[in-house]
C-alpha atoms as a PDB file:
ATOM      1  CA  MET A   1     -10.252 -17.608 -35.566  1.00  0.00           C
ATOM      2  CA  GLU A   2     -10.388 -18.864 -32.606  1.00  0.00           C
ATOM      3  CA  GLN A   3      -8.903 -17.098 -30.118  1.00  0.00           C
ATOM      4  CA  THR A   4      -6.800 -18.938 -26.971  1.00  0.00           C
ATOM      5  CA  CYS A   5      -6.960 -17.253 -23.372  1.00  0.00           C
ATOM      6  CA  LYS A   6      -3.654 -17.672 -21.655  1.00  0.00           C
ATOM      7  CA  PRO A   7      -3.161 -17.673 -17.787  1.00  0.00           C
ATOM      8  CA  ARG A   8      -1.234 -14.220 -17.099  1.00  0.00           C
ATOM      9  CA  HIS A   9      -0.804 -14.853 -12.989  1.00  0.00           C
ATOM     10  CA  GLY A  10      -0.378 -18.197 -12.781  1.00  0.00           C
ATOM     11  CA  ARG A  11       3.679 -17.711 -12.968  1.00  0.00           C
ATOM     12  CA  THR A  12       3.784 -14.441 -11.026  1.00  0.00           C
ATOM     13  CA  GLY A  13       1.666 -15.684  -8.393  1.00  0.00           C
ATOM     14  CA  ALA A  14       3.760 -18.889  -7.730  1.00  0.00           C
ATOM     15  CA  ILE A  15       7.400 -16.684  -7.662  1.00  0.00           C
ATOM     16  CA  LEU A  16       5.948 -14.003  -5.333  1.00  0.00           C
ATOM     17  CA  LEU A  17       5.399 -16.945  -2.955  1.00  0.00           C
ATOM     18  CA  ILE A  18       8.605 -18.729  -3.055  1.00  0.00           C
ATOM     19  CA  LEU A  19       9.815 -15.383  -2.321  1.00  0.00           C
ATOM     20  CA  ILE A  20       7.914 -14.918   0.439  1.00  0.00           C
ATOM     21  CA  GLY A  21       8.990 -17.937   1.876  1.00  0.00           C
ATOM     22  CA  ALA A  22      12.750 -17.770   1.236  1.00  0.00           C
ATOM     23  CA  ILE A  23      12.631 -14.054   3.613  1.00  0.00           C
ATOM     24  CA  PHE A  24      10.615 -16.042   6.115  1.00  0.00           C
ATOM     25  CA  MET A  25      13.177 -18.800   6.029  1.00  0.00           C
ATOM     26  CA  LEU A  26      16.021 -16.428   6.672  1.00  0.00           C
ATOM     27  CA  VAL A  27      14.461 -14.731   8.931  1.00  0.00           C
ATOM     28  CA  ASN A  28      14.218 -17.895  10.861  1.00  0.00           C
ATOM     29  CA  ALA A  29      17.784 -18.892  10.037  1.00  0.00           C
ATOM     30  CA  GLY A  30      19.656 -15.428  11.096  1.00  0.00           C
ATOM     31  CA  VAL A  31      20.643 -14.038   7.994  1.00  0.00           C
ATOM     32  CA  LEU A  32      18.374 -11.748   7.159  1.00  0.00           C
ATOM     33  CA  ASP A  33      17.618  -8.873  10.330  1.00  0.00           C
ATOM     34  CA  PRO A  34      13.656  -9.087  11.129  1.00  0.00           C
ATOM     35  CA  GLN A  35      13.880  -5.225  11.836  1.00  0.00           C
ATOM     36  CA  LEU A  36      14.893  -4.880   8.225  1.00  0.00           C
ATOM     37  CA  LEU A  37      11.919  -6.927   6.933  1.00  0.00           C
ATOM     38  CA  ARG A  38      10.060  -4.825   8.774  1.00  0.00           C
ATOM     39  CA  GLN A  39      11.462  -1.415   8.071  1.00  0.00           C
ATOM     40  CA  GLY A  40      12.927  -2.731   4.239  1.00  0.00           C
ATOM     41  CA  TRP A  41       8.410  -4.447   3.153  1.00  0.00           C
ATOM     42  CA  PRO A  42       7.515  -1.005   1.851  1.00  0.00           C
ATOM     43  CA  LEU A  43      10.666  -1.417  -0.941  1.00  0.00           C
ATOM     44  CA  LEU A  44       9.717  -4.788  -1.444  1.00  0.00           C
ATOM     45  CA  LEU A  45       6.169  -3.828  -2.909  1.00  0.00           C
ATOM     46  CA  ILE A  46       7.992  -0.850  -4.865  1.00  0.00           C
ATOM     47  CA  GLY A  47      10.372  -3.074  -7.181  1.00  0.00           C
ATOM     48  CA  LEU A  48       7.378  -5.794  -7.138  1.00  0.00           C
ATOM     49  CA  GLY A  49       5.425  -2.820  -9.397  1.00  0.00           C
ATOM     50  CA  ALA A  50       7.953  -1.382 -10.797  1.00  0.00           C
ATOM     51  CA  TRP A  51       9.221  -5.285 -12.240  1.00  0.00           C
ATOM     52  CA  LYS A  52       5.751  -5.333 -12.992  1.00  0.00           C
ATOM     53  CA  LEU A  53       5.367  -2.075 -14.803  1.00  0.00           C
ATOM     54  CA  LEU A  54       8.953  -2.814 -16.696  1.00  0.00           C
ATOM     55  CA  ARG A  55       6.974  -6.421 -18.365  1.00  0.00           C
ATOM     56  CA  ARG A  56       4.387  -5.158 -20.170  1.00  0.00           C
ATOM     57  CA  PHE A  57       6.972  -2.484 -22.307  1.00  0.00           C
END
């Protein structure tokens, strides 16, 4: 029986880059407050970690 290896991080990396780009675009457009971004980035990391953890189960 032959096992095939599926790429696991291709989609996650693409989504992450899109989100980062969208955040910077919203800051430049004046829609998102830069101070909120400076103070809220740890919540973004926690949310990403929780999302990845929930995807495993």
